[in-house]
Amino acid sequence: MTVAPQGSLDPIAIRHACQELLDLQDSQDLMTASAVDSAATLVLNGLCQQALNHSRAAWVVVDAGFPVEATVNIRAALEHAVTAQWAFLTPNGVKRLVDGSKYKASQYFESAGLQVSLDDGADEQISAWKTFKQLPSFSTMCDDLDGTPDPDEPKSGLLRFEYVRLSQATHVTSSTITGYLAVDELTGEVALLQQAIERFPVVNLMDLGIATALACWTIESLRKEPNRLAEVEQIADKANIPSTLAKDYETANKRKAKSEA
């Protein structure tokens, strides 16, 4: 399945799928890279592995009894996995990701220059990187991949909505304040809590499952034959979560073939 999840979500099935996907990656031999390898493999592996490690970390935090705090890892996993798949499925997307990373690096080092002295070579490098085109915002990436390419059919908006929702729980927002308050509807008495109320447990697990599946799908698409792409798709389909954000698997295969054009 490559569209927004339809119908009910089974948190147990999603957890099992995540574990199967992570076990699948753990059982694979590590990929090696050489000068002749594709830029996609060299660039996107780090994003996908970061997403999977955030998935592993999220489950550890959840099992430790802190599901709200695991939202930080879930958000990071989703952002890395979606960005990797956007670059993989978008024509010239890998180059755009590299160029955007250079532009962002120029901003970082330019800010660092306010605190430390940079030599002339560093200044020249920063100036060169500033000429690259900025990467689209993550919200724009979500819009590019979210739902159907048919202009007459409305997009689901799932990715953008979930990212915003996860961000609310991650940053200093009203959700942090209200999460640690429990109001008695009869008396109006407010209890101050030491642990936040988990308001979206199933949806958070859905986001974690999507991030894990997307990252695994991209890794297996990058891996030379034999790969386990079909297994990733089957595991995700069984749990009712998408493993690729293309319209369908056939479209995904066509789009990824153009990703390095």
C-alpha atoms as a PDB file:
ATOM      1  CA  MET A   1       0.000   0.000   0.000  1.00  0.00           C
ATOM      2  CA  THR A   2       1.381   3.389  -0.964  1.00  0.00           C
ATOM      3  CA  VAL A   3      -1.358   5.789   0.055  1.00  0.00           C
ATOM      4  CA  ALA A   4      -2.507   7.202   3.382  1.00  0.00           C
ATOM      5  CA  PRO A   5      -3.663   4.426   5.739  1.00  0.00           C
ATOM      6  CA  GLN A   6      -7.353   3.664   5.357  1.00  0.00           C
ATOM      7  CA  GLY A   7      -9.657   2.303   8.033  1.00  0.00           C
ATOM      8  CA  SER A   8      -8.641   1.284  11.512  1.00  0.00           C
ATOM      9  CA  LEU A   9      -5.068   1.070  12.706  1.00  0.00           C
ATOM     10  CA  ASP A  10      -3.836  -1.794  14.827  1.00  0.00           C
ATOM     11  CA  PRO A  11      -1.019  -0.614  17.139  1.00  0.00           C
ATOM     12  CA  ILE A  12       0.055  -4.209  17.793  1.00  0.00           C
ATOM     13  CA  ALA A  13       0.332  -4.897  14.055  1.00  0.00           C
ATOM     14  CA  ILE A  14       2.308  -1.677  13.565  1.00  0.00           C
ATOM     15  CA  ARG A  15       4.703  -2.606  16.358  1.00  0.00           C
ATOM     16  CA  HIS A  16       5.217  -6.058  14.899  1.00  0.00           C
ATOM     17  CA  ALA A  17       5.847  -4.501  11.480  1.00  0.00           C
ATOM     18  CA  CYS A  18       8.425  -2.095  12.896  1.00  0.00           C
ATOM     19  CA  GLN A  19      10.218  -4.937  14.632  1.00  0.00           C
ATOM     20  CA  GLU A  20      10.182  -7.068  11.494  1.00  0.00           C
ATOM     21  CA  LEU A  21      11.532  -4.195   9.416  1.00  0.00           C
ATOM     22  CA  LEU A  22      14.278  -3.365  11.902  1.00  0.00           C
ATOM     23  CA  ASP A  23      15.208  -7.044  12.228  1.00  0.00           C
ATOM     24  CA  LEU A  24      15.338  -7.266   8.452  1.00  0.00           C
ATOM     25  CA  GLN A  25      17.843  -4.419   8.327  1.00  0.00           C
ATOM     26  CA  ASP A  26      19.895  -5.893  11.158  1.00  0.00           C
ATOM     27  CA  SER A  27      20.127  -9.198   9.276  1.00  0.00           C
ATOM     28  CA  GLN A  28      21.401  -7.590   6.085  1.00  0.00           C
ATOM     29  CA  ASP A  29      25.079  -7.209   5.336  1.00  0.00           C
ATOM     30  CA  LEU A  30      26.237  -3.615   5.536  1.00  0.00           C
ATOM     31  CA  MET A  31      26.406  -1.871   2.188  1.00  0.00           C
ATOM     32  CA  THR A  32      29.816  -0.643   1.088  1.00  0.00           C
ATOM     33  CA  ALA A  33      30.463   2.291  -1.185  1.00  0.00           C
ATOM     34  CA  SER A  34      33.048   2.924  -3.869  1.00  0.00           C
ATOM     35  CA  ALA A  35      33.813   5.754  -6.229  1.00  0.00           C
ATOM     36  CA  VAL A  36      31.567   4.225  -8.868  1.00  0.00           C
ATOM     37  CA  ASP A  37      28.541   3.899  -6.612  1.00  0.00           C
ATOM     38  CA  SER A  38      25.564   6.104  -7.249  1.00  0.00           C
ATOM     39  CA  ALA A  39      25.262   9.440  -5.513  1.00  0.00           C
ATOM     40  CA  ALA A  40      21.890   8.310  -4.177  1.00  0.00           C
ATOM     41  CA  THR A  41      23.488   5.508  -2.166  1.00  0.00           C
ATOM     42  CA  LEU A  42      26.225   7.735  -0.782  1.00  0.00           C
ATOM     43  CA  VAL A  43      23.881  10.570   0.143  1.00  0.00           C
ATOM     44  CA  LEU A  44      20.688   8.867   1.296  1.00  0.00           C
ATOM     45  CA  ASN A  45      22.073   6.045   3.403  1.00  0.00           C
ATOM     46  CA  GLY A  46      22.779   8.390   6.313  1.00  0.00           C
ATOM     47  CA  LEU A  47      19.266   9.833   6.301  1.00  0.00           C
ATOM     48  CA  CYS A  48      17.679   6.384   6.246  1.00  0.00           C
ATOM     49  CA  GLN A  49      19.918   4.967   8.960  1.00  0.00           C
ATOM     50  CA  GLN A  50      19.223   8.022  11.127  1.00  0.00           C
ATOM     51  CA  ALA A  51      15.488   7.432  10.688  1.00  0.00           C
ATOM     52  CA  LEU A  52      15.839   3.771  11.683  1.00  0.00           C
ATOM     53  CA  ASN A  53      17.953   4.617  14.725  1.00  0.00           C
ATOM     54  CA  HIS A  54      15.345   7.147  15.840  1.00  0.00           C
ATOM     55  CA  SER A  55      12.759   4.388  15.423  1.00  0.00           C
ATOM     56  CA  ARG A  56      14.807   2.062  17.615  1.00  0.00           C
ATOM     57  CA  ALA A  57      15.254   4.831  20.184  1.00  0.00           C
ATOM     58  CA  ALA A  58      11.531   5.660  20.163  1.00  0.00           C
ATOM     59  CA  TRP A  59      10.584   2.090  21.056  1.00  0.00           C
ATOM     60  CA  VAL A  60      13.111   2.079  23.905  1.00  0.00           C
ATOM     61  CA  VAL A  61      11.620   5.306  25.281  1.00  0.00           C
ATOM     62  CA  VAL A  62       8.057   4.024  24.875  1.00  0.00           C
ATOM     63  CA  ASP A  63       8.899   0.800  26.696  1.00  0.00           C
ATOM     64  CA  ALA A  64      10.532   2.824  29.481  1.00  0.00           C
ATOM     65  CA  GLY A  65       7.147   4.443  30.122  1.00  0.00           C
ATOM     66  CA  PHE A  66       7.629   7.782  28.356  1.00  0.00           C
ATOM     67  CA  PRO A  67       5.455   7.676  25.212  1.00  0.00           C
ATOM     68  CA  VAL A  68       5.072  11.461  25.045  1.00  0.00           C
ATOM     69  CA  GLU A  69       8.827  12.000  25.142  1.00  0.00           C
ATOM     70  CA  ALA A  70       9.220   9.420  22.355  1.00  0.00           C
ATOM     71  CA  THR A  71       7.475  11.959  20.103  1.00  0.00           C
ATOM     72  CA  VAL A  72      10.836  13.696  19.647  1.00  0.00           C
ATOM     73  CA  ASN A  73      12.309  10.557  18.104  1.00  0.00           C
ATOM     74  CA  ILE A  74       9.162   9.882  16.055  1.00  0.00           C
ATOM     75  CA  ARG A  75       9.246  13.367  14.539  1.00  0.00           C
ATOM     76  CA  ALA A  76      12.941  13.075  13.697  1.00  0.00           C
ATOM     77  CA  ALA A  77      12.433   9.622  12.170  1.00  0.00           C
ATOM     78  CA  LEU A  78       9.589  10.874   9.983  1.00  0.00           C
ATOM     79  CA  GLU A  79      11.496  13.952   8.788  1.00  0.00           C
ATOM     80  CA  HIS A  80      14.597  11.966   7.833  1.00  0.00           C
ATOM     81  CA  ALA A  81      12.675   9.144   6.148  1.00  0.00           C
ATOM     82  CA  VAL A  82      10.387  11.439   4.142  1.00  0.00           C
ATOM     83  CA  THR A  83      13.289  13.671   3.068  1.00  0.00           C
ATOM     84  CA  ALA A  84      15.257  10.634   1.878  1.00  0.00           C
ATOM     85  CA  GLN A  85      12.319   9.305  -0.099  1.00  0.00           C
ATOM     86  CA  TRP A  86      11.560  12.742  -1.546  1.00  0.00           C
ATOM     87  CA  ALA A  87      15.130  12.995  -2.829  1.00  0.00           C
ATOM     88  CA  PHE A  88      15.007   9.435  -4.138  1.00  0.00           C
ATOM     89  CA  LEU A  89      11.705   9.764  -5.984  1.00  0.00           C
ATOM     90  CA  THR A  90      12.114  13.336  -7.250  1.00  0.00           C
ATOM     91  CA  PRO A  91      13.956  13.859 -10.553  1.00  0.00           C
ATOM     92  CA  ASN A  92      17.365  15.342  -9.715  1.00  0.00           C
ATOM     93  CA  GLY A  93      16.316  15.145  -6.070  1.00  0.00           C
ATOM     94  CA  VAL A  94      19.612  13.809  -4.749  1.00  0.00           C
ATOM     95  CA  LYS A  95      21.541  16.708  -6.266  1.00  0.00           C
ATOM     96  CA  ARG A  96      18.985  19.154  -4.899  1.00  0.00           C
ATOM     97  CA  LEU A  97      19.445  17.623  -1.450  1.00  0.00           C
ATOM     98  CA  VAL A  98      23.234  17.936  -1.676  1.00  0.00           C
ATOM     99  CA  ASP A  99      23.049  21.521  -2.915  1.00  0.00           C
ATOM    100  CA  GLY A 100      20.570  22.424  -0.202  1.00  0.00           C
ATOM    101  CA  SER A 101      22.803  20.851   2.429  1.00  0.00           C
ATOM    102  CA  LYS A 102      25.717  22.981   1.238  1.00  0.00           C
ATOM    103  CA  TYR A 103      23.574  26.095   1.446  1.00  0.00           C
ATOM    104  CA  LYS A 104      22.474  25.186   4.978  1.00  0.00           C
ATOM    105  CA  ALA A 105      26.105  24.497   5.927  1.00  0.00           C
ATOM    106  CA  SER A 106      27.033  27.985   4.766  1.00  0.00           C
ATOM    107  CA  GLN A 107      24.452  29.422   7.156  1.00  0.00           C
ATOM    108  CA  TYR A 108      25.781  27.322  10.024  1.00  0.00           C
ATOM    109  CA  PHE A 109      29.421  28.216   9.492  1.00  0.00           C
ATOM    110  CA  GLU A 110      28.561  31.853   8.894  1.00  0.00           C
ATOM    111  CA  SER A 111      26.885  31.874  12.313  1.00  0.00           C
ATOM    112  CA  ALA A 112      29.879  30.074  13.812  1.00  0.00           C
ATOM    113  CA  GLY A 113      32.045  32.844  12.465  1.00  0.00           C
ATOM    114  CA  LEU A 114      30.424  35.173  14.969  1.00  0.00           C
ATOM    115  CA  GLN A 115      32.021  33.123  17.761  1.00  0.00           C
ATOM    116  CA  VAL A 116      35.327  31.977  16.264  1.00  0.00           C
ATOM    117  CA  SER A 117      37.772  33.323  13.709  1.00  0.00           C
ATOM    118  CA  LEU A 118      37.595  31.637  10.305  1.00  0.00           C
ATOM    119  CA  ASP A 119      40.530  31.656   7.882  1.00  0.00           C
ATOM    120  CA  ASP A 120      40.319  32.954   4.330  1.00  0.00           C
ATOM    121  CA  GLY A 121      39.829  29.441   2.927  1.00  0.00           C
ATOM    122  CA  ALA A 122      36.811  28.886   5.130  1.00  0.00           C
ATOM    123  CA  ASP A 123      35.336  32.240   4.139  1.00  0.00           C
ATOM    124  CA  GLU A 124      35.750  31.345   0.466  1.00  0.00           C
ATOM    125  CA  GLN A 125      34.090  27.969   1.010  1.00  0.00           C
ATOM    126  CA  ILE A 126      31.165  29.600   2.800  1.00  0.00           C
ATOM    127  CA  SER A 127      30.744  32.086  -0.033  1.00  0.00           C
ATOM    128  CA  ALA A 128      30.754  29.263  -2.580  1.00  0.00           C
ATOM    129  CA  TRP A 129      28.171  27.247  -0.674  1.00  0.00           C
ATOM    130  CA  LYS A 130      25.903  30.286  -0.372  1.00  0.00           C
ATOM    131  CA  THR A 131      25.476  30.245  -4.153  1.00  0.00           C
ATOM    132  CA  PHE A 132      23.668  26.882  -4.072  1.00  0.00           C
ATOM    133  CA  LYS A 133      19.895  26.716  -4.130  1.00  0.00           C
ATOM    134  CA  GLN A 134      18.152  26.280  -0.799  1.00  0.00           C
ATOM    135  CA  LEU A 135      16.371  22.971  -0.264  1.00  0.00           C
ATOM    136  CA  PRO A 136      12.567  23.158  -0.291  1.00  0.00           C
ATOM    137  CA  SER A 137      10.982  23.290   3.137  1.00  0.00           C
ATOM    138  CA  PHE A 138       9.944  20.000   4.649  1.00  0.00           C
ATOM    139  CA  SER A 139       6.301  21.073   4.338  1.00  0.00           C
ATOM    140  CA  THR A 140       6.827  21.527   0.597  1.00  0.00           C
ATOM    141  CA  MET A 141       8.334  18.048   0.367  1.00  0.00           C
ATOM    142  CA  CYS A 142       5.277  16.693   2.165  1.00  0.00           C
ATOM    143  CA  ASP A 143       2.998  18.440  -0.303  1.00  0.00           C
ATOM    144  CA  ASP A 144       5.010  17.059  -3.234  1.00  0.00           C
ATOM    145  CA  LEU A 145       4.582  13.483  -2.021  1.00  0.00           C
ATOM    146  CA  ASP A 146       1.313  13.597  -0.103  1.00  0.00           C
ATOM    147  CA  GLY A 147      -1.569  11.901  -1.845  1.00  0.00           C
ATOM    148  CA  THR A 148      -2.195  11.865  -5.556  1.00  0.00           C
ATOM    149  CA  PRO A 149      -0.491  13.742  -8.428  1.00  0.00           C
ATOM    150  CA  ASP A 150      -3.920  14.242 -10.039  1.00  0.00           C
ATOM    151  CA  PRO A 151      -4.649  18.013  -9.751  1.00  0.00           C
ATOM    152  CA  ASP A 152      -8.385  17.309  -9.748  1.00  0.00           C
ATOM    153  CA  GLU A 153      -8.132  14.964  -6.763  1.00  0.00           C
ATOM    154  CA  PRO A 154      -7.491  16.561  -3.354  1.00  0.00           C
ATOM    155  CA  LYS A 155      -4.368  15.575  -1.453  1.00  0.00           C
ATOM    156  CA  SER A 156      -4.764  13.800   1.862  1.00  0.00           C
ATOM    157  CA  GLY A 157      -2.545  16.275   3.721  1.00  0.00           C
ATOM    158  CA  LEU A 158      -1.478  13.469   6.053  1.00  0.00           C
ATOM    159  CA  LEU A 159       2.257  14.110   6.087  1.00  0.00           C
ATOM    160  CA  ARG A 160       2.073  17.853   6.623  1.00  0.00           C
ATOM    161  CA  PHE A 161      -0.579  17.492   9.332  1.00  0.00           C
ATOM    162  CA  GLU A 162       1.327  14.814  11.217  1.00  0.00           C
ATOM    163  CA  TYR A 163       4.584  16.743  11.052  1.00  0.00           C
ATOM    164  CA  VAL A 164       2.915  19.861  12.449  1.00  0.00           C
ATOM    165  CA  ARG A 165       1.211  17.824  15.152  1.00  0.00           C
ATOM    166  CA  LEU A 166       4.434  16.104  16.168  1.00  0.00           C
ATOM    167  CA  SER A 167       6.205  19.463  16.186  1.00  0.00           C
ATOM    168  CA  GLN A 168       3.620  20.824  18.619  1.00  0.00           C
ATOM    169  CA  ALA A 169       4.466  18.027  21.025  1.00  0.00           C
ATOM    170  CA  THR A 170       8.206  18.489  20.527  1.00  0.00           C
ATOM    171  CA  HIS A 171       8.640  22.242  20.904  1.00  0.00           C
ATOM    172  CA  VAL A 172       7.595  24.671  23.627  1.00  0.00           C
ATOM    173  CA  THR A 173       3.915  25.073  22.810  1.00  0.00           C
ATOM    174  CA  SER A 174       0.537  25.105  24.509  1.00  0.00           C
ATOM    175  CA  SER A 175       0.368  21.326  24.131  1.00  0.00           C
ATOM    176  CA  THR A 176       3.240  21.027  26.592  1.00  0.00           C
ATOM    177  CA  ILE A 177       1.400  23.148  29.143  1.00  0.00           C
ATOM    178  CA  THR A 178      -1.947  21.407  28.789  1.00  0.00           C
ATOM    179  CA  GLY A 179      -0.340  17.982  28.636  1.00  0.00           C
ATOM    180  CA  TYR A 180       0.651  18.278  32.288  1.00  0.00           C
ATOM    181  CA  LEU A 181      -2.772  19.434  33.460  1.00  0.00           C
ATOM    182  CA  ALA A 182      -5.794  17.289  34.260  1.00  0.00           C
ATOM    183  CA  VAL A 183      -9.081  19.129  34.726  1.00  0.00           C
ATOM    184  CA  ASP A 184     -11.967  17.545  36.625  1.00  0.00           C
ATOM    185  CA  GLU A 185     -14.999  18.214  34.418  1.00  0.00           C
ATOM    186  CA  LEU A 186     -17.384  18.221  37.407  1.00  0.00           C
ATOM    187  CA  THR A 187     -15.497  20.394  39.879  1.00  0.00           C
ATOM    188  CA  GLY A 188     -13.162  22.304  37.587  1.00  0.00           C
ATOM    189  CA  GLU A 189     -10.272  21.380  39.858  1.00  0.00           C
ATOM    190  CA  VAL A 190      -6.924  21.249  38.074  1.00  0.00           C
ATOM    191  CA  ALA A 191      -4.358  18.589  38.926  1.00  0.00           C
ATOM    192  CA  LEU A 192      -0.688  19.214  38.139  1.00  0.00           C
ATOM    193  CA  LEU A 193       0.858  16.120  36.589  1.00  0.00           C
ATOM    194  CA  GLN A 194       4.428  14.853  36.624  1.00  0.00           C
ATOM    195  CA  GLN A 195       3.970  12.898  33.404  1.00  0.00           C
ATOM    196  CA  ALA A 196       2.148  14.251  30.377  1.00  0.00           C
ATOM    197  CA  ILE A 197      -1.075  12.723  29.109  1.00  0.00           C
ATOM    198  CA  GLU A 198      -0.578  10.741  25.904  1.00  0.00           C
ATOM    199  CA  ARG A 199      -3.379  12.056  23.685  1.00  0.00           C
ATOM    200  CA  PHE A 200      -2.523  10.364  20.358  1.00  0.00           C
ATOM    201  CA  PRO A 201      -0.959   6.974  21.154  1.00  0.00           C
ATOM    202  CA  VAL A 202      -2.172   5.106  18.071  1.00  0.00           C
ATOM    203  CA  VAL A 203      -1.462   7.928  15.615  1.00  0.00           C
ATOM    204  CA  ASN A 204       2.047   8.368  17.005  1.00  0.00           C
ATOM    205  CA  LEU A 205       2.702   4.678  16.412  1.00  0.00           C
ATOM    206  CA  MET A 206       1.337   5.069  12.879  1.00  0.00           C
ATOM    207  CA  ASP A 207       3.847   7.855  12.219  1.00  0.00           C
ATOM    208  CA  LEU A 208       6.646   5.724  13.638  1.00  0.00           C
ATOM    209  CA  GLY A 209       5.592   2.804  11.477  1.00  0.00           C
ATOM    210  CA  ILE A 210       5.451   4.977   8.358  1.00  0.00           C
ATOM    211  CA  ALA A 211       8.912   6.421   9.032  1.00  0.00           C
ATOM    212  CA  THR A 212      10.392   2.965   9.577  1.00  0.00           C
ATOM    213  CA  ALA A 213       8.811   1.517   6.437  1.00  0.00           C
ATOM    214  CA  LEU A 214       9.796   4.485   4.259  1.00  0.00           C
ATOM    215  CA  ALA A 215      13.423   4.305   5.378  1.00  0.00           C
ATOM    216  CA  CYS A 216      13.619   0.532   4.821  1.00  0.00           C
ATOM    217  CA  TRP A 217      12.000   0.818   1.386  1.00  0.00           C
ATOM    218  CA  THR A 218      14.520   3.448   0.315  1.00  0.00           C
ATOM    219  CA  ILE A 219      17.484   1.441   1.615  1.00  0.00           C
ATOM    220  CA  GLU A 220      16.350  -1.715  -0.182  1.00  0.00           C
ATOM    221  CA  SER A 221      15.747   0.270  -3.371  1.00  0.00           C
ATOM    222  CA  LEU A 222      19.327   1.528  -3.155  1.00  0.00           C
ATOM    223  CA  ARG A 223      20.745  -1.912  -2.422  1.00  0.00           C
ATOM    224  CA  LYS A 224      22.078  -3.864  -5.368  1.00  0.00           C
ATOM    225  CA  GLU A 225      20.404  -7.181  -6.168  1.00  0.00           C
ATOM    226  CA  PRO A 226      19.548  -9.261  -4.327  1.00  0.00           C
ATOM    227  CA  ASN A 227      17.546  -6.936  -2.112  1.00  0.00           C
ATOM    228  CA  ARG A 228      14.513  -7.434   0.102  1.00  0.00           C
ATOM    229  CA  LEU A 229      12.289  -4.729  -1.328  1.00  0.00           C
ATOM    230  CA  ALA A 230       9.353  -7.110  -1.795  1.00  0.00           C
ATOM    231  CA  GLU A 231       9.575  -8.191   1.845  1.00  0.00           C
ATOM    232  CA  VAL A 232       9.521  -4.580   3.031  1.00  0.00           C
ATOM    233  CA  GLU A 233       6.426  -3.889   0.949  1.00  0.00           C
ATOM    234  CA  GLN A 234       4.666  -7.013   2.242  1.00  0.00           C
ATOM    235  CA  ILE A 235       5.424  -6.233   5.892  1.00  0.00           C
ATOM    236  CA  ALA A 236       4.174  -2.649   5.535  1.00  0.00           C
ATOM    237  CA  ASP A 237       1.075  -3.655   3.601  1.00  0.00           C
ATOM    238  CA  LYS A 238       0.151  -6.190   6.271  1.00  0.00           C
ATOM    239  CA  ALA A 239       0.235  -3.444   8.924  1.00  0.00           C
ATOM    240  CA  ASN A 240      -1.741  -0.995   6.740  1.00  0.00           C
ATOM    241  CA  ILE A 241       1.100   1.554   6.487  1.00  0.00           C
ATOM    242  CA  PRO A 242       2.753   2.915   3.325  1.00  0.00           C
ATOM    243  CA  SER A 243       6.303   1.925   2.449  1.00  0.00           C
ATOM    244  CA  THR A 244       6.640   4.393  -0.401  1.00  0.00           C
ATOM    245  CA  LEU A 245       4.996   7.748  -0.962  1.00  0.00           C
ATOM    246  CA  ALA A 246       4.610   7.332  -4.696  1.00  0.00           C
ATOM    247  CA  LYS A 247       1.098   6.663  -5.952  1.00  0.00           C
ATOM    248  CA  ASP A 248       1.817   2.940  -6.325  1.00  0.00           C
ATOM    249  CA  TYR A 249       4.786   0.607  -6.610  1.00  0.00           C
ATOM    250  CA  GLU A 250       4.904   0.839 -10.390  1.00  0.00           C
ATOM    251  CA  THR A 251       4.992   4.639 -10.223  1.00  0.00           C
ATOM    252  CA  ALA A 252       7.660   4.453  -7.518  1.00  0.00           C
ATOM    253  CA  ASN A 253       9.871   2.293  -9.704  1.00  0.00           C
ATOM    254  CA  LYS A 254       9.491   4.696 -12.627  1.00  0.00           C
ATOM    255  CA  ARG A 255      10.190   7.755 -10.474  1.00  0.00           C
ATOM    256  CA  LYS A 256      13.241   6.291  -8.776  1.00  0.00           C
ATOM    257  CA  ALA A 257      14.709   5.487 -12.189  1.00  0.00           C
ATOM    258  CA  LYS A 258      14.614   9.221 -12.928  1.00  0.00           C
ATOM    259  CA  SER A 259      15.952  10.318  -9.549  1.00  0.00           C
ATOM    260  CA  GLU A 260      19.501  10.684 -10.821  1.00  0.00           C
ATOM    261  CA  ALA A 261      18.627  12.242 -14.146  1.00  0.00           C
END
